[in-house]
């Protein structure tokens, strides 16, 4: 899919460049002879084949391919699971930068040829070696305005997600060398720390926002719903500084939270952190609001959460754990505590290196009481684990409720 701008500078509707199952990781190249090409990998789960790279001719507008394509590299013998190709041209060579060997244990391959259709020479230009950075995967070469070459890629850190790295890069004998190459064999290793790219302006070290006081009328960019959002799931109460989540029934036939769309989540911000939130159960259409629950969740293929709900004349706090949620795993209640207040502080502390999670609660925001045993976070599908909040109605509930979250704070 591509998007173009009309004469007024507005984005037009997306254009279908090529249709098919399992075509992944497309990258275009406009050659210096005026011709345009599209390179891509293949996903065996949908295409029935992988470990190959294909090139299609494309019209110069980039709105469609104009031939049936050609396989230009087969990695089955020496570079299995090759994917994510990036196509460049430099000094008369066509270069394909592509990871192979799999996301967590793979290496960075570079292919080069004087002819775009090959045959291609091949060279592994970076692998993990003795570095702590496994992978490295799905990278791309960039050149800064000052002429420095750098390489962006990600590292799969399981529950901590796919972490982006910036590696130094240089050219030797028309081959790129990425990372550090202490033995001079042309194959680098990823670095964990390095000087910043040279720029005219000095930029301070900073990190994305994690905490939220809910004092604006829009959600912060750190938040992600578990599915395409709907307006009736929440409201930001202007003047009160709270986010109100409404108790929405789960979809018909659901098994666990893996199937529930209205989870408000954010990625793990660091190897070690603590997330705390203050939540109150508020107005109900009927007096009790029973069957509706809210809470704090660590979400992934395995997940755990603290559930806060009305229970008769009191309130109930429960620890829930679900293993193999993506395979229809069943929730299990491991701990329970009866409270006499409709406001509670919920907390989870995450510690490295194994993303171990300790849940606790407080009635006053000062003294926190652990609830349940440690839980090991587990990644989701192609993403890390996430932390966040929710408000749900039971499938059979005939009452309605909502939960007001006063703030959500992340600390080191």
Protein backbone atom coordinates (compact mmCIF):
# COMPACT_ATOMS: atom_id res chain seq x y z
CA UNK A 1 0.00 0.00 0.00
CA UNK A 2 1.18 3.53 -0.78
CA UNK A 3 -0.29 6.96 -0.16
CA UNK A 4 0.11 10.03 -2.37
CA UNK A 5 -0.74 13.72 -2.00
CA UNK A 6 -3.16 15.64 -4.17
CA UNK A 7 -2.23 19.05 -5.70
CA UNK A 8 -3.39 20.76 -2.49
CA UNK A 9 -0.94 18.70 -0.42
CA UNK A 10 -3.55 16.48 1.23
CA UNK A 11 -3.06 12.74 1.53
CA UNK A 12 -5.17 10.73 -0.89
CA UNK A 13 -6.58 7.25 -0.27
CA UNK A 14 -4.04 4.39 -0.10
CA UNK A 15 -3.16 2.66 -3.37
CA UNK A 16 -2.77 -1.12 -3.63
CA UNK A 17 0.69 -1.73 -5.10
CA UNK A 18 0.50 -5.52 -5.16
CA UNK A 19 -1.96 -8.07 -3.76
CA UNK A 20 -1.14 -11.49 -2.37
CA UNK A 21 -0.80 -13.59 0.75
CA UNK A 22 2.42 -13.62 2.71
CA UNK A 23 4.24 -10.79 0.93
CA UNK A 24 6.07 -9.06 3.78
CA UNK A 25 8.63 -6.33 4.46
CA UNK A 26 8.44 -4.43 1.13
CA UNK A 27 11.10 -1.84 0.28
CA UNK A 28 11.19 0.31 -2.89
CA UNK A 29 14.20 1.56 -4.86
CA UNK A 30 14.19 4.26 -7.51
CA UNK A 31 17.32 3.53 -9.56
CA UNK A 32 19.52 6.24 -11.07
CA UNK A 33 18.42 5.08 -14.54
CA UNK A 34 14.82 6.07 -13.77
CA UNK A 35 13.53 2.56 -13.18
CA UNK A 36 11.70 1.60 -9.98
CA UNK A 37 11.71 -1.72 -8.10
CA UNK A 38 10.02 -3.31 -5.10
CA UNK A 39 11.81 -5.95 -3.02
CA UNK A 40 10.12 -8.17 -0.42
CA UNK A 41 10.31 -11.26 1.75
CA UNK A 42 7.76 -14.03 2.31
CA UNK A 43 5.95 -15.43 5.36
CA UNK A 44 5.46 -19.20 5.23
CA UNK A 45 2.38 -19.02 7.48
CA UNK A 46 0.47 -17.29 4.69
CA UNK A 47 2.48 -17.83 1.51
CA UNK A 48 3.54 -21.44 2.13
CA UNK A 49 7.21 -20.52 1.58
CA UNK A 50 9.85 -18.37 3.23
CA UNK A 51 13.64 -17.80 3.14
CA UNK A 52 13.46 -16.23 -0.32
CA UNK A 53 13.77 -12.64 -1.55
CA UNK A 54 11.91 -11.42 -4.65
CA UNK A 55 12.03 -8.25 -6.74
CA UNK A 56 9.22 -6.74 -8.79
CA UNK A 57 9.44 -4.00 -11.37
CA UNK A 58 7.33 -1.05 -10.34
CA UNK A 59 5.99 1.98 -12.15
CA UNK A 60 7.88 5.19 -11.45
CA UNK A 61 4.93 6.63 -9.52
CA UNK A 62 5.21 3.80 -7.01
CA UNK A 63 1.54 2.93 -7.37
CA UNK A 64 1.82 -0.61 -8.76
CA UNK A 65 4.12 -3.41 -9.90
CA UNK A 66 4.35 -4.07 -13.63
CA UNK A 67 5.68 -7.63 -13.83
CA UNK A 68 5.31 -11.01 -12.11
CA UNK A 69 8.47 -10.67 -10.06
CA UNK A 70 11.58 -12.84 -9.79
CA UNK A 71 13.30 -14.74 -6.98
CA UNK A 72 16.77 -13.21 -6.70
CA UNK A 73 17.99 -14.96 -3.55
CA UNK A 74 17.27 -18.28 -1.85
CA UNK A 75 18.49 -18.50 1.73
CA UNK A 76 17.41 -22.05 2.55
CA UNK A 77 20.94 -23.50 2.36
CA UNK A 78 23.00 -20.98 4.33
CA UNK A 79 20.74 -18.12 5.49
CA UNK A 80 17.34 -19.54 6.45
CA UNK A 81 14.44 -17.29 7.42
CA UNK A 82 15.93 -14.38 5.50
CA UNK A 83 13.43 -11.51 5.53
CA UNK A 84 13.13 -7.75 6.03
CA UNK A 85 15.17 -6.79 2.92
CA UNK A 86 16.31 -3.19 2.39
CA UNK A 87 17.48 -2.34 -1.15
CA UNK A 88 20.17 0.31 -1.81
CA UNK A 89 22.60 1.33 -4.55
CA UNK A 90 26.14 2.56 -3.89
CA UNK A 91 29.28 2.80 -6.03
CA UNK A 92 27.66 0.78 -8.83
CA UNK A 93 26.60 -2.06 -6.51
CA UNK A 94 23.08 -3.04 -5.56
CA UNK A 95 22.96 -3.94 -1.88
CA UNK A 96 20.35 -5.96 -0.03
CA UNK A 97 20.54 -5.65 3.76
CA UNK A 98 18.52 -8.50 5.26
CA UNK A 99 18.44 -10.37 8.60
CA UNK A 100 18.56 -14.17 8.58
CA UNK A 101 18.51 -16.98 11.11
CA UNK A 102 15.45 -15.85 13.06
CA UNK A 103 14.50 -12.97 15.31
CA UNK A 104 16.21 -13.95 18.56
CA UNK A 105 19.33 -15.79 17.34
CA UNK A 106 19.90 -14.48 13.84
CA UNK A 107 22.51 -12.34 12.09
CA UNK A 108 22.72 -9.42 9.68
CA UNK A 109 23.40 -10.44 6.10
CA UNK A 110 24.35 -8.15 3.20
CA UNK A 111 24.14 -9.18 -0.45
CA UNK A 112 25.74 -7.22 -3.31
CA UNK A 113 25.75 -7.38 -7.08
CA UNK A 114 26.41 -5.14 -10.08
CA UNK A 115 23.10 -6.40 -11.54
CA UNK A 116 19.89 -5.93 -9.60
CA UNK A 117 18.84 -9.46 -10.51
CA UNK A 118 22.15 -10.96 -9.36
CA UNK A 119 23.91 -13.22 -8.88
CA UNK A 120 24.62 -11.81 -5.45
CA UNK A 121 27.70 -12.16 -3.28
CA UNK A 122 26.88 -12.64 0.37
CA UNK A 123 28.55 -11.62 3.61
CA UNK A 124 27.52 -11.68 7.27
CA UNK A 125 28.38 -8.16 8.42
CA UNK A 126 27.14 -8.36 12.05
CA UNK A 127 26.13 -11.02 14.54
CA UNK A 128 25.81 -11.18 18.32
CA UNK A 129 29.32 -12.48 18.95
CA UNK A 130 30.25 -11.70 22.57
CA UNK A 131 27.75 -8.83 22.81
CA UNK A 132 24.69 -8.88 25.06
CA UNK A 133 22.60 -7.78 22.08
CA UNK A 134 21.00 -10.87 20.55
CA UNK A 135 19.51 -10.83 17.08
CA UNK A 136 20.24 -8.28 15.65
CA UNK A 137 17.17 -8.00 13.43
CA UNK A 138 15.26 -5.99 10.79
CA UNK A 139 17.80 -3.21 10.33
CA UNK A 140 18.23 -0.29 7.96
CA UNK A 141 21.19 1.88 6.87
CA UNK A 142 20.94 5.64 7.24
CA UNK A 143 23.39 8.44 6.39
CA UNK A 144 23.23 11.64 8.41
CA UNK A 145 23.54 15.17 7.03
CA UNK A 146 27.13 15.24 8.28
CA UNK A 147 27.94 12.15 6.18
CA UNK A 148 28.09 9.58 8.98
CA UNK A 149 26.72 6.10 8.34
CA UNK A 150 24.59 4.39 11.01
CA UNK A 151 22.50 1.25 11.24
CA UNK A 152 19.16 0.93 13.05
CA UNK A 153 17.90 -2.48 14.16
CA UNK A 154 15.94 -4.11 16.94
CA UNK A 155 16.75 -6.68 19.59
CA UNK A 156 14.07 -9.09 20.83
CA UNK A 157 14.11 -9.00 24.65
CA UNK A 158 11.09 -11.27 25.18
CA UNK A 159 8.83 -9.65 27.80
CA UNK A 160 10.63 -6.34 27.35
CA UNK A 161 9.71 -6.22 23.69
CA UNK A 162 11.73 -5.29 20.65
CA UNK A 163 14.29 -2.67 21.65
CA UNK A 164 15.73 -0.36 18.99
CA UNK A 165 19.53 0.04 18.75
CA UNK A 166 21.69 2.45 16.78
CA UNK A 167 25.00 1.00 15.55
CA UNK A 168 28.01 2.72 14.01
CA UNK A 169 28.69 1.67 10.43
CA UNK A 170 31.58 2.12 7.97
CA UNK A 171 32.50 0.92 4.50
CA UNK A 172 35.59 -1.21 3.78
CA UNK A 173 36.22 -2.54 0.25
CA UNK A 174 32.61 -1.76 -0.68
CA UNK A 175 31.25 -3.87 2.16
CA UNK A 176 29.55 -2.37 5.21
CA UNK A 177 30.95 -3.14 8.66
CA UNK A 178 28.38 -2.64 11.42
CA UNK A 179 29.06 -2.29 15.14
CA UNK A 180 32.60 -2.95 16.39
CA UNK A 181 35.01 -5.26 14.55
CA UNK A 182 37.92 -5.89 16.91
CA UNK A 183 39.49 -8.72 14.90
CA UNK A 184 39.13 -6.92 11.54
CA UNK A 185 37.35 -9.78 9.75
CA UNK A 186 34.63 -7.49 8.44
CA UNK A 187 31.97 -8.91 10.74
CA UNK A 188 30.96 -6.61 13.56
CA UNK A 189 29.24 -7.05 16.90
CA UNK A 190 26.50 -4.78 18.27
CA UNK A 191 27.48 -2.12 20.81
CA UNK A 192 25.41 -1.25 23.88
CA UNK A 193 26.82 2.26 24.28
CA UNK A 194 28.44 4.59 21.77
CA UNK A 195 28.79 8.26 21.07
CA UNK A 196 25.82 10.04 19.54
CA UNK A 197 25.75 10.94 15.84
CA UNK A 198 27.43 14.29 15.12
CA UNK A 199 24.82 17.04 14.91
CA UNK A 200 24.93 20.83 14.94
CA UNK A 201 22.63 20.88 17.97
CA UNK A 202 23.28 19.11 21.27
CA UNK A 203 20.23 17.10 22.34
CA UNK A 204 19.68 16.03 25.97
CA UNK A 205 19.18 12.40 26.93
CA UNK A 206 15.47 11.76 27.41
CA UNK A 207 12.92 8.97 27.39
CA UNK A 208 9.30 8.74 26.25
CA UNK A 209 6.57 9.76 28.70
CA UNK A 210 5.18 6.91 30.82
CA UNK A 211 3.22 8.46 33.71
CA UNK A 212 -0.10 10.18 33.15
CA UNK A 213 -2.08 12.48 35.46
CA UNK A 214 -5.04 12.44 33.00
CA UNK A 215 -5.34 16.22 33.10
CA UNK A 216 -5.80 16.77 29.34
CA UNK A 217 -8.67 15.88 27.02
CA UNK A 218 -6.62 13.44 24.95
CA UNK A 219 -4.78 10.25 25.84
CA UNK A 220 -0.99 10.38 25.96
CA UNK A 221 0.94 8.74 23.15
CA UNK A 222 2.21 6.04 25.51
CA UNK A 223 -1.23 4.40 25.64
CA UNK A 224 -2.40 1.66 23.28
CA UNK A 225 -5.77 -0.08 23.28
CA UNK A 226 -5.73 -3.86 22.85
CA UNK A 227 -7.73 -3.44 19.62
CA UNK A 228 -9.15 -0.67 17.46
CA UNK A 229 -10.64 1.79 19.98
CA UNK A 230 -14.27 2.82 20.39
CA UNK A 231 -15.39 6.16 21.74
CA UNK A 232 -17.70 4.63 24.37
CA UNK A 233 -14.89 2.87 26.21
CA UNK A 234 -13.63 5.86 28.17
CA UNK A 235 -13.80 9.58 28.84
CA UNK A 236 -11.27 12.06 30.18
CA UNK A 237 -13.19 14.15 32.72
CA UNK A 238 -12.05 17.71 32.13
CA UNK A 239 -11.53 19.66 35.33
CA UNK A 240 -11.33 16.49 37.46
CA UNK A 241 -8.06 15.04 36.21
CA UNK A 242 -9.31 11.47 35.88
CA UNK A 243 -9.85 8.94 33.14
CA UNK A 244 -13.17 7.16 33.43
CA UNK A 245 -13.31 3.63 32.01
CA UNK A 246 -16.76 2.17 31.43
CA UNK A 247 -17.59 -1.44 32.20
CA UNK A 248 -17.86 -3.01 28.76
CA UNK A 249 -18.97 -6.62 28.31
CA UNK A 250 -16.35 -8.88 26.70
CA UNK A 251 -17.01 -10.14 23.17
CA UNK A 252 -19.27 -13.16 22.71
CA UNK A 253 -17.42 -16.44 23.05
CA UNK A 254 -14.39 -14.92 24.77
CA UNK A 255 -12.08 -17.10 26.87
CA UNK A 256 -9.81 -14.62 28.63
CA UNK A 257 -8.36 -11.11 28.31
CA UNK A 258 -6.53 -12.07 25.11
CA UNK A 259 -9.93 -11.68 23.41
CA UNK A 260 -10.89 -8.42 25.15
CA UNK A 261 -10.36 -5.20 23.15
CA UNK A 262 -10.83 -2.49 25.80
CA UNK A 263 -7.59 -2.92 27.73
CA UNK A 264 -5.67 0.35 27.99
CA UNK A 265 -1.98 -0.60 27.93
CA UNK A 266 1.53 0.68 27.42
CA UNK A 267 4.85 -1.00 26.67
CA UNK A 268 7.31 -1.86 29.41
CA UNK A 269 9.39 1.35 29.75
CA UNK A 270 12.53 -0.14 31.32
CA UNK A 271 14.02 -3.37 32.68
CA UNK A 272 13.13 -2.30 36.25
CA UNK A 273 10.16 -0.11 37.07
CA UNK A 274 7.15 0.31 39.34
CA UNK A 275 3.68 1.26 38.09
CA UNK A 276 1.09 2.57 40.56
CA UNK A 277 -2.45 3.80 39.99
CA UNK A 278 -5.32 5.12 42.12
CA UNK A 279 -8.78 3.84 41.15
CA UNK A 280 -12.31 4.34 42.46
CA UNK A 281 -15.48 2.45 41.61
CA UNK A 282 -18.05 5.15 40.92
CA UNK A 283 -21.69 5.60 39.85
CA UNK A 284 -23.81 2.65 38.82
CA UNK A 285 -27.16 2.40 37.09
CA UNK A 286 -28.26 -0.07 39.73
CA UNK A 287 -27.18 0.14 43.33
CA UNK A 288 -24.62 -2.64 43.63
CA UNK A 289 -22.66 -2.68 40.39
CA UNK A 290 -21.81 -6.32 41.05
CA UNK A 291 -20.40 -8.23 38.11
CA UNK A 292 -18.22 -5.29 37.04
CA UNK A 293 -14.51 -5.21 37.79
CA UNK A 294 -11.56 -2.93 37.20
CA UNK A 295 -7.88 -3.26 37.84
CA UNK A 296 -4.18 -3.20 36.98
CA UNK A 297 -2.84 -5.76 34.49
CA UNK A 298 0.44 -7.14 33.13
CA UNK A 299 -0.61 -8.40 29.70
CA UNK A 300 0.98 -10.97 27.40
CA UNK A 301 0.67 -14.60 26.38
CA UNK A 302 0.72 -15.19 30.12
CA UNK A 303 -0.88 -12.42 32.15
CA UNK A 304 -1.78 -11.43 35.68
CA UNK A 305 -3.86 -8.66 37.21
CA UNK A 306 -5.36 -7.25 40.37
CA UNK A 307 -9.15 -7.14 40.08
CA UNK A 308 -11.19 -4.64 42.16
CA UNK A 309 -14.99 -5.07 42.32
CA UNK A 310 -18.11 -4.64 44.43
CA UNK A 311 -19.03 -7.62 46.61
CA UNK A 312 -22.27 -7.21 48.55
CA UNK A 313 -21.79 -4.35 51.01
CA UNK A 314 -18.02 -4.51 50.65
CA UNK A 315 -15.37 -4.57 47.92
CA UNK A 316 -13.18 -7.42 46.80
CA UNK A 317 -9.60 -7.37 45.56
CA UNK A 318 -8.41 -10.50 43.71
CA UNK A 319 -5.19 -11.67 42.11
CA UNK A 320 -5.84 -13.43 38.78
CA UNK A 321 -3.31 -15.36 36.67
CA UNK A 322 -3.73 -16.82 33.19
CA UNK A 323 -1.15 -18.98 31.40
CA UNK A 324 -1.11 -19.50 27.62
CA UNK A 325 -3.82 -16.92 27.05
CA UNK A 326 -3.27 -17.02 23.29
CA UNK A 327 -4.13 -20.74 23.36
CA UNK A 328 -7.42 -20.34 25.26
CA UNK A 329 -5.84 -20.61 28.71
CA UNK A 330 -8.19 -20.33 31.69
CA UNK A 331 -7.97 -17.65 34.38
CA UNK A 332 -7.23 -18.77 37.94
CA UNK A 333 -7.85 -16.76 41.10
CA UNK A 334 -4.84 -17.19 43.38
CA UNK A 335 -5.57 -14.69 46.18
CA UNK A 336 -8.42 -12.57 47.51
CA UNK A 337 -8.85 -9.74 50.00
CA UNK A 338 -12.08 -8.08 51.24
CA UNK A 339 -11.99 -4.28 51.60
CA UNK A 340 -14.44 -1.73 53.01
CA UNK A 341 -13.44 1.15 50.71
CA UNK A 342 -14.38 1.95 47.11
CA UNK A 343 -10.97 3.54 46.37
CA UNK A 344 -7.73 1.57 46.25
CA UNK A 345 -4.12 2.06 45.15
CA UNK A 346 -2.79 -0.73 42.96
CA UNK A 347 0.88 -1.36 42.24
CA UNK A 348 3.11 -3.71 40.30
CA UNK A 349 6.90 -3.82 40.55
CA UNK A 350 8.81 -5.32 37.61
CA UNK A 351 12.43 -6.44 38.04
CA UNK A 352 15.04 -7.64 35.57
CA UNK A 353 16.45 -9.75 34.10
CA UNK A 354 13.42 -12.07 33.97
CA UNK A 355 10.60 -9.51 34.17
CA UNK A 356 9.37 -10.77 37.54
CA UNK A 357 6.24 -8.92 38.71
CA UNK A 358 5.17 -8.31 42.31
CA UNK A 359 1.64 -6.98 42.85
CA UNK A 360 0.55 -5.02 45.93
CA UNK A 361 -2.25 -2.74 47.09
CA UNK A 362 -2.88 0.05 49.58
CA UNK A 363 -5.90 1.75 51.13
CA UNK A 364 -4.06 5.00 51.87
CA UNK A 365 -1.39 5.22 49.15
CA UNK A 366 1.45 4.92 51.67
CA UNK A 367 1.56 1.39 53.06
CA UNK A 368 1.44 -1.27 50.33
CA UNK A 369 0.61 -4.91 51.05
CA UNK A 370 1.81 -7.64 48.64
CA UNK A 371 -0.88 -9.88 47.18
CA UNK A 372 0.04 -13.27 45.77
CA UNK A 373 3.29 -14.75 44.55
CA UNK A 374 5.67 -13.29 41.96
CA UNK A 375 4.52 -13.55 38.37
CA UNK A 376 6.86 -13.87 35.37
CA UNK A 377 5.75 -11.62 32.52
CA UNK A 378 5.65 -13.12 29.05
CA UNK A 379 5.67 -11.38 25.69
CA UNK A 380 2.66 -11.10 23.42
CA UNK A 381 2.49 -11.80 19.69
CA UNK A 382 5.53 -10.07 18.11
CA UNK A 383 5.43 -7.55 20.96
CA UNK A 384 6.63 -7.43 24.54
CA UNK A 385 4.48 -7.58 27.63
CA UNK A 386 2.45 -4.50 28.52
CA UNK A 387 1.17 -2.86 31.68
CA UNK A 388 -2.13 -1.05 31.97
CA UNK A 389 -5.67 -0.70 33.28
CA UNK A 390 -9.15 -1.96 32.41
CA UNK A 391 -12.82 -1.97 33.35
CA UNK A 392 -15.02 -4.92 32.40
CA UNK A 393 -18.56 -6.15 32.91
CA UNK A 394 -19.27 -9.84 33.39
CA UNK A 395 -20.87 -11.49 30.33
CA UNK A 396 -24.07 -12.04 32.33
CA UNK A 397 -24.02 -8.76 34.27
CA UNK A 398 -27.27 -6.78 34.33
CA UNK A 399 -25.70 -3.83 36.09
CA UNK A 400 -23.42 -1.11 34.88
CA UNK A 401 -20.47 0.62 36.51
CA UNK A 402 -17.41 2.67 35.76
CA UNK A 403 -13.97 3.19 37.25
CA UNK A 404 -12.21 6.52 37.73
CA UNK A 405 -8.41 6.38 37.55
CA UNK A 406 -6.95 9.48 39.15
CA UNK A 407 -3.45 8.91 37.79
CA UNK A 408 -1.01 6.30 36.53
CA UNK A 409 2.61 6.78 37.64
CA UNK A 410 5.74 4.94 36.59
CA UNK A 411 8.86 5.16 38.76
CA UNK A 412 12.35 3.74 38.51
